[in-house]
N, C-alpha and C. Protein backbone atom coordinates (compact mmCIF):
# COMPACT_ATOMS: atom_id res chain seq x y z
N UNK A 1 -1.55 2.81 -0.37
CA UNK A 1 -2.00 2.18 -1.58
C UNK A 1 -3.51 2.32 -1.64
N UNK A 2 -4.00 2.59 -2.84
CA UNK A 2 -5.44 2.71 -3.04
C UNK A 2 -5.91 1.56 -3.93
N UNK A 3 -6.92 0.84 -3.47
CA UNK A 3 -7.48 -0.28 -4.22
C UNK A 3 -8.92 0.05 -4.59
N UNK A 4 -9.24 -0.06 -5.88
CA UNK A 4 -10.59 0.25 -6.34
C UNK A 4 -10.86 -0.46 -7.65
N UNK A 5 -11.95 -0.05 -8.31
CA UNK A 5 -12.31 -0.62 -9.61
C UNK A 5 -13.04 0.44 -10.42
N UNK A 6 -12.88 0.36 -11.73
CA UNK A 6 -13.48 1.36 -12.61
C UNK A 6 -15.00 1.27 -12.67
N UNK A 7 -15.57 0.15 -12.28
CA UNK A 7 -17.02 -0.04 -12.31
C UNK A 7 -17.68 0.26 -10.98
N UNK A 8 -16.92 0.69 -9.98
CA UNK A 8 -17.41 0.91 -8.61
C UNK A 8 -17.67 2.40 -8.39
N UNK A 9 -18.95 2.84 -8.24
CA UNK A 9 -19.23 4.27 -8.06
C UNK A 9 -18.50 4.92 -6.88
N UNK A 10 -18.45 4.29 -5.68
CA UNK A 10 -17.68 4.93 -4.61
C UNK A 10 -16.19 5.07 -4.95
N UNK A 11 -15.65 4.09 -5.68
CA UNK A 11 -14.24 4.16 -6.09
C UNK A 11 -14.02 5.32 -7.05
N UNK A 12 -14.96 5.53 -7.94
CA UNK A 12 -14.84 6.63 -8.91
C UNK A 12 -14.92 7.99 -8.23
N UNK A 13 -15.69 8.07 -7.11
CA UNK A 13 -15.70 9.32 -6.33
C UNK A 13 -14.31 9.59 -5.77
N UNK A 14 -13.65 8.54 -5.27
CA UNK A 14 -12.30 8.71 -4.74
C UNK A 14 -11.34 9.10 -5.85
N UNK A 15 -11.43 8.43 -7.00
CA UNK A 15 -10.55 8.76 -8.13
C UNK A 15 -10.73 10.21 -8.53
N UNK A 16 -11.99 10.68 -8.55
CA UNK A 16 -12.25 12.07 -8.88
C UNK A 16 -11.67 13.04 -7.87
N UNK A 17 -11.63 12.62 -6.61
CA UNK A 17 -11.09 13.48 -5.54
C UNK A 17 -9.59 13.29 -5.35
N UNK A 18 -8.99 12.30 -6.02
CA UNK A 18 -7.58 11.98 -5.81
C UNK A 18 -6.63 13.16 -5.98
N UNK A 19 -6.77 14.00 -7.03
CA UNK A 19 -5.85 15.14 -7.13
C UNK A 19 -5.91 16.06 -5.91
N UNK A 20 -7.11 16.27 -5.40
CA UNK A 20 -7.25 17.13 -4.21
C UNK A 20 -6.71 16.42 -2.97
N UNK A 21 -6.95 15.12 -2.86
CA UNK A 21 -6.41 14.36 -1.73
C UNK A 21 -4.89 14.44 -1.74
N UNK A 22 -4.29 14.25 -2.91
CA UNK A 22 -2.83 14.27 -3.02
C UNK A 22 -2.27 15.63 -2.64
N UNK A 23 -2.88 16.71 -3.12
CA UNK A 23 -2.32 18.04 -2.86
C UNK A 23 -2.68 18.59 -1.50
N UNK A 24 -3.83 18.19 -0.93
CA UNK A 24 -4.29 18.82 0.31
C UNK A 24 -4.26 17.91 1.53
N UNK A 25 -4.45 16.61 1.34
CA UNK A 25 -4.65 15.73 2.49
C UNK A 25 -3.45 14.86 2.86
N UNK A 26 -2.53 14.65 1.94
CA UNK A 26 -1.38 13.81 2.25
C UNK A 26 -0.27 14.66 2.85
N UNK A 27 0.31 14.21 3.97
CA UNK A 27 1.45 14.95 4.52
C UNK A 27 2.66 14.84 3.59
N UNK A 28 3.59 15.76 3.73
CA UNK A 28 4.77 15.75 2.86
C UNK A 28 5.58 14.47 2.99
N UNK A 29 5.49 13.81 4.15
CA UNK A 29 6.26 12.58 4.35
C UNK A 29 5.77 11.44 3.45
N UNK A 30 4.56 11.53 2.94
CA UNK A 30 4.05 10.51 2.03
C UNK A 30 4.42 10.93 0.62
N UNK A 31 5.32 10.17 0.02
CA UNK A 31 5.83 10.53 -1.29
C UNK A 31 5.35 9.61 -2.39
N UNK A 32 4.69 8.53 -2.02
CA UNK A 32 4.26 7.55 -3.02
C UNK A 32 2.80 7.19 -2.76
N UNK A 33 2.01 7.24 -3.79
CA UNK A 33 0.63 6.77 -3.71
C UNK A 33 0.43 5.81 -4.87
N UNK A 34 0.09 4.56 -4.55
CA UNK A 34 -0.08 3.53 -5.57
C UNK A 34 -1.57 3.27 -5.75
N UNK A 35 -2.04 3.28 -6.99
CA UNK A 35 -3.45 3.01 -7.30
C UNK A 35 -3.51 1.68 -8.05
N UNK A 36 -4.37 0.78 -7.58
CA UNK A 36 -4.51 -0.53 -8.22
C UNK A 36 -5.97 -0.77 -8.57
N UNK A 37 -6.24 -1.09 -9.83
CA UNK A 37 -7.59 -1.38 -10.29
C UNK A 37 -7.84 -2.88 -10.21
N UNK A 38 -8.94 -3.26 -9.58
CA UNK A 38 -9.26 -4.66 -9.34
C UNK A 38 -9.24 -5.50 -10.62
N UNK A 39 -9.71 -4.94 -11.72
CA UNK A 39 -9.78 -5.70 -12.97
C UNK A 39 -8.41 -5.90 -13.61
N UNK A 40 -7.45 -5.07 -13.26
CA UNK A 40 -6.13 -5.14 -13.88
C UNK A 40 -5.05 -5.68 -12.95
N UNK A 41 -5.30 -5.68 -11.66
CA UNK A 41 -4.25 -6.03 -10.69
C UNK A 41 -4.74 -7.03 -9.65
N UNK A 42 -5.45 -8.05 -10.08
CA UNK A 42 -6.00 -9.04 -9.15
C UNK A 42 -4.96 -9.66 -8.21
N UNK A 43 -3.74 -10.00 -8.67
CA UNK A 43 -2.76 -10.57 -7.75
C UNK A 43 -2.38 -9.62 -6.61
N UNK A 44 -2.36 -8.33 -6.88
CA UNK A 44 -2.04 -7.36 -5.82
C UNK A 44 -3.16 -7.33 -4.80
N UNK A 45 -4.41 -7.37 -5.26
CA UNK A 45 -5.55 -7.40 -4.34
C UNK A 45 -5.46 -8.63 -3.45
N UNK A 46 -5.12 -9.76 -4.05
CA UNK A 46 -5.00 -11.01 -3.29
C UNK A 46 -3.87 -10.92 -2.27
N UNK A 47 -2.74 -10.39 -2.69
CA UNK A 47 -1.58 -10.29 -1.81
C UNK A 47 -1.90 -9.46 -0.57
N UNK A 48 -2.67 -8.38 -0.74
CA UNK A 48 -3.01 -7.51 0.38
C UNK A 48 -4.34 -7.88 1.03
N UNK A 49 -4.92 -9.00 0.62
CA UNK A 49 -6.17 -9.50 1.18
C UNK A 49 -7.26 -8.43 1.17
N UNK A 50 -7.40 -7.75 0.03
CA UNK A 50 -8.44 -6.72 -0.11
C UNK A 50 -9.75 -7.43 -0.45
N UNK A 51 -10.71 -7.33 0.46
CA UNK A 51 -12.01 -7.98 0.30
C UNK A 51 -13.10 -7.02 -0.15
N UNK A 52 -12.92 -5.73 0.16
CA UNK A 52 -13.92 -4.71 -0.12
C UNK A 52 -13.25 -3.53 -0.79
N UNK A 53 -13.94 -2.91 -1.74
CA UNK A 53 -13.40 -1.70 -2.36
C UNK A 53 -14.40 -0.57 -2.16
N UNK A 54 -13.93 0.65 -2.08
CA UNK A 54 -12.53 1.09 -2.12
C UNK A 54 -11.82 0.81 -0.80
N UNK A 55 -10.52 0.60 -0.87
CA UNK A 55 -9.69 0.37 0.31
C UNK A 55 -8.39 1.15 0.17
N UNK A 56 -7.98 1.79 1.26
CA UNK A 56 -6.66 2.40 1.36
C UNK A 56 -5.84 1.59 2.35
N UNK A 57 -4.58 1.31 2.02
CA UNK A 57 -3.66 0.62 2.91
C UNK A 57 -2.40 1.47 3.02
N UNK A 58 -1.94 1.69 4.26
CA UNK A 58 -0.71 2.45 4.49
C UNK A 58 0.37 1.48 4.95
N UNK A 59 1.55 1.57 4.32
CA UNK A 59 2.68 0.70 4.64
C UNK A 59 3.85 1.52 5.17
N UNK A 60 4.60 0.94 6.09
CA UNK A 60 5.81 1.56 6.62
C UNK A 60 7.01 1.10 5.79
N UNK A 61 7.63 2.03 5.10
CA UNK A 61 8.74 1.71 4.21
C UNK A 61 9.95 1.14 4.95
N UNK A 62 10.17 1.55 6.18
CA UNK A 62 11.33 1.04 6.92
C UNK A 62 11.25 -0.47 7.09
N UNK A 63 10.06 -0.98 7.34
CA UNK A 63 9.89 -2.43 7.49
C UNK A 63 10.10 -3.13 6.15
N UNK A 64 9.59 -2.54 5.07
CA UNK A 64 9.80 -3.13 3.75
C UNK A 64 11.27 -3.14 3.38
N UNK A 65 11.98 -2.07 3.70
CA UNK A 65 13.42 -2.01 3.42
C UNK A 65 14.18 -3.08 4.21
N UNK A 66 13.78 -3.32 5.46
CA UNK A 66 14.42 -4.35 6.28
C UNK A 66 14.25 -5.72 5.64
N UNK A 67 13.04 -6.04 5.21
CA UNK A 67 12.79 -7.34 4.58
C UNK A 67 13.56 -7.46 3.27
N UNK A 68 13.63 -6.38 2.50
CA UNK A 68 14.37 -6.39 1.24
C UNK A 68 15.85 -6.65 1.50
N UNK A 69 16.40 -6.01 2.53
CA UNK A 69 17.81 -6.22 2.87
C UNK A 69 18.06 -7.68 3.28
N UNK A 70 17.11 -8.26 4.03
CA UNK A 70 17.26 -9.66 4.44
C UNK A 70 17.23 -10.58 3.22
N UNK A 71 16.35 -10.30 2.27
CA UNK A 71 16.26 -11.13 1.06
C UNK A 71 17.52 -11.01 0.23
N UNK A 72 18.06 -9.79 0.12
CA UNK A 72 19.30 -9.58 -0.64
C UNK A 72 20.46 -10.31 0.02
N UNK A 73 20.53 -10.24 1.34
CA UNK A 73 21.61 -10.92 2.06
C UNK A 73 21.51 -12.42 1.86
N UNK A 74 20.31 -12.96 1.88
CA UNK A 74 20.13 -14.40 1.69
C UNK A 74 20.57 -14.81 0.29
N UNK A 75 20.20 -14.03 -0.73
CA UNK A 75 20.58 -14.40 -2.09
C UNK A 75 22.08 -14.24 -2.31
N UNK A 76 22.69 -13.23 -1.68
CA UNK A 76 24.14 -13.05 -1.80
C UNK A 76 24.90 -14.15 -1.08
N UNK A 77 24.26 -14.71 -0.05
CA UNK A 77 24.88 -15.79 0.71
C UNK A 77 24.72 -17.14 0.04
N UNK A 78 24.13 -17.17 -1.14
CA UNK A 78 23.99 -18.41 -1.89
C UNK A 78 22.67 -19.12 -1.71
N UNK A 79 21.80 -18.57 -0.85
CA UNK A 79 20.50 -19.22 -0.66
C UNK A 79 19.61 -18.93 -1.86
N UNK A 80 19.02 -19.96 -2.40
CA UNK A 80 18.10 -19.81 -3.52
C UNK A 80 16.67 -19.91 -2.99
N UNK A 81 15.84 -18.94 -3.33
CA UNK A 81 14.45 -18.97 -2.92
C UNK A 81 13.59 -19.38 -4.11
N UNK A 82 12.72 -20.37 -3.89
CA UNK A 82 11.78 -20.69 -4.96
C UNK A 82 10.62 -19.70 -4.89
N UNK A 83 9.72 -19.77 -5.85
CA UNK A 83 8.64 -18.77 -5.93
C UNK A 83 7.72 -18.82 -4.71
N UNK A 84 7.52 -20.00 -4.13
CA UNK A 84 6.68 -20.11 -2.95
C UNK A 84 7.33 -19.43 -1.76
N UNK A 85 8.63 -19.65 -1.56
CA UNK A 85 9.33 -19.00 -0.46
C UNK A 85 9.34 -17.49 -0.62
N UNK A 86 9.54 -17.04 -1.85
CA UNK A 86 9.54 -15.61 -2.12
C UNK A 86 8.17 -15.00 -1.84
N UNK A 87 7.11 -15.69 -2.25
CA UNK A 87 5.76 -15.18 -2.00
C UNK A 87 5.47 -15.12 -0.51
N UNK A 88 5.86 -16.14 0.24
CA UNK A 88 5.66 -16.14 1.69
C UNK A 88 6.41 -14.98 2.33
N UNK A 89 7.66 -14.76 1.90
CA UNK A 89 8.44 -13.65 2.44
C UNK A 89 7.78 -12.31 2.14
N UNK A 90 7.28 -12.14 0.90
CA UNK A 90 6.63 -10.89 0.54
C UNK A 90 5.36 -10.66 1.34
N UNK A 91 4.55 -11.69 1.49
CA UNK A 91 3.32 -11.56 2.26
C UNK A 91 3.63 -11.19 3.71
N UNK A 92 4.67 -11.80 4.27
CA UNK A 92 5.06 -11.49 5.65
C UNK A 92 5.52 -10.04 5.75
N UNK A 93 6.31 -9.59 4.79
CA UNK A 93 6.80 -8.21 4.80
C UNK A 93 5.64 -7.23 4.72
N UNK A 94 4.70 -7.47 3.81
CA UNK A 94 3.57 -6.56 3.67
C UNK A 94 2.69 -6.57 4.92
N UNK A 95 2.49 -7.76 5.51
CA UNK A 95 1.67 -7.85 6.72
C UNK A 95 2.31 -7.08 7.87
N UNK A 96 3.62 -7.21 8.03
CA UNK A 96 4.32 -6.50 9.10
C UNK A 96 4.36 -5.00 8.84
N UNK A 97 4.42 -4.60 7.57
CA UNK A 97 4.56 -3.19 7.24
C UNK A 97 3.22 -2.44 7.27
N UNK A 98 2.11 -3.18 7.29
CA UNK A 98 0.81 -2.50 7.25
C UNK A 98 0.55 -1.75 8.55
N UNK A 99 0.36 -0.45 8.42
CA UNK A 99 0.09 0.42 9.56
C UNK A 99 -1.40 0.59 9.77
N UNK A 100 -2.13 0.70 8.68
CA UNK A 100 -3.56 0.94 8.79
C UNK A 100 -4.28 0.62 7.50
N UNK A 101 -5.61 0.48 7.61
CA UNK A 101 -6.45 0.15 6.46
C UNK A 101 -7.81 0.79 6.68
N UNK A 102 -8.37 1.38 5.62
CA UNK A 102 -9.71 1.93 5.69
C UNK A 102 -10.46 1.54 4.43
N UNK A 103 -11.72 1.19 4.61
CA UNK A 103 -12.58 0.82 3.49
C UNK A 103 -13.73 1.82 3.45
N UNK A 104 -13.48 2.95 2.80
CA UNK A 104 -14.48 4.00 2.75
C UNK A 104 -14.19 4.91 1.58
N UNK A 105 -15.24 5.56 1.07
CA UNK A 105 -15.03 6.46 -0.06
C UNK A 105 -15.34 7.91 0.30
N UNK A 106 -15.57 8.20 1.57
CA UNK A 106 -15.86 9.57 1.96
C UNK A 106 -14.56 10.30 2.27
N UNK A 107 -14.30 11.36 1.54
CA UNK A 107 -13.03 12.07 1.65
C UNK A 107 -12.70 12.51 3.09
N UNK A 108 -13.67 13.05 3.86
CA UNK A 108 -13.31 13.44 5.24
C UNK A 108 -12.78 12.27 6.06
N UNK A 109 -13.38 11.08 5.90
CA UNK A 109 -12.89 9.92 6.64
C UNK A 109 -11.53 9.47 6.14
N UNK A 110 -11.33 9.53 4.83
CA UNK A 110 -10.02 9.18 4.27
C UNK A 110 -8.98 10.16 4.80
N UNK A 111 -9.31 11.45 4.84
CA UNK A 111 -8.38 12.46 5.34
C UNK A 111 -8.01 12.19 6.80
N UNK A 112 -9.01 11.87 7.65
CA UNK A 112 -8.71 11.56 9.06
C UNK A 112 -7.82 10.33 9.17
N UNK A 113 -8.10 9.32 8.36
CA UNK A 113 -7.29 8.11 8.35
C UNK A 113 -5.85 8.42 7.99
N UNK A 114 -5.66 9.21 6.93
CA UNK A 114 -4.32 9.58 6.48
C UNK A 114 -3.61 10.38 7.57
N UNK A 115 -4.29 11.35 8.16
CA UNK A 115 -3.67 12.15 9.22
C UNK A 115 -3.26 11.28 10.39
N UNK A 116 -4.09 10.32 10.75
CA UNK A 116 -3.79 9.45 11.90
C UNK A 116 -2.60 8.55 11.63
N UNK A 117 -2.50 8.01 10.43
CA UNK A 117 -1.51 6.97 10.17
C UNK A 117 -0.26 7.42 9.42
N UNK A 118 -0.28 8.58 8.81
CA UNK A 118 0.82 8.93 7.90
C UNK A 118 1.71 10.07 8.38
N UNK A 119 1.34 10.78 9.40
CA UNK A 119 2.09 11.99 9.73
C UNK A 119 3.52 11.68 10.17
N UNK A 120 3.77 10.52 10.72
CA UNK A 120 5.12 10.22 11.20
C UNK A 120 5.93 9.38 10.22
N UNK A 121 5.34 8.99 9.10
CA UNK A 121 6.08 8.16 8.15
C UNK A 121 7.08 8.98 7.37
N UNK A 122 8.18 8.35 7.02
CA UNK A 122 9.14 8.99 6.13
C UNK A 122 9.59 7.95 5.12
N UNK A 123 9.72 8.37 3.88
CA UNK A 123 10.11 7.47 2.81
C UNK A 123 11.38 7.99 2.16
N UNK A 124 12.25 7.08 1.77
CA UNK A 124 13.46 7.52 1.08
C UNK A 124 13.31 7.28 -0.42
N UNK A 125 14.31 7.71 -1.17
CA UNK A 125 14.22 7.63 -2.62
C UNK A 125 14.28 6.20 -3.16
N UNK A 126 14.66 5.23 -2.34
CA UNK A 126 14.73 3.84 -2.80
C UNK A 126 13.36 3.17 -2.83
N UNK A 127 12.36 3.77 -2.22
CA UNK A 127 11.04 3.16 -2.13
C UNK A 127 10.37 3.13 -3.47
């Protein structure tokens, strides 16, 4: 996930380099790249505790799928979750799924970060 803002010069450098990052720097196992703008997606920034922009966060889909399956099983079993319980569960899932985080706008450093954290990830079509 990429977190930035339209008024942030380092973020705009990343946005400008994003097509090249996607085609050249992301391994084939990474099939989803989510971009969130601070001015439009404040709740997402809060959920991921993004304090500085630009920030990249890598998540492991297998952990997210496990938490989703647990939530589905609970709801099918008749358990009702209120919004607070659901938010706590989501925050826990995202915290457990986070593999790495980098707060930098220099493409070489972003590329090294991606290579270090993403080469072994695999995502399925349900993600």
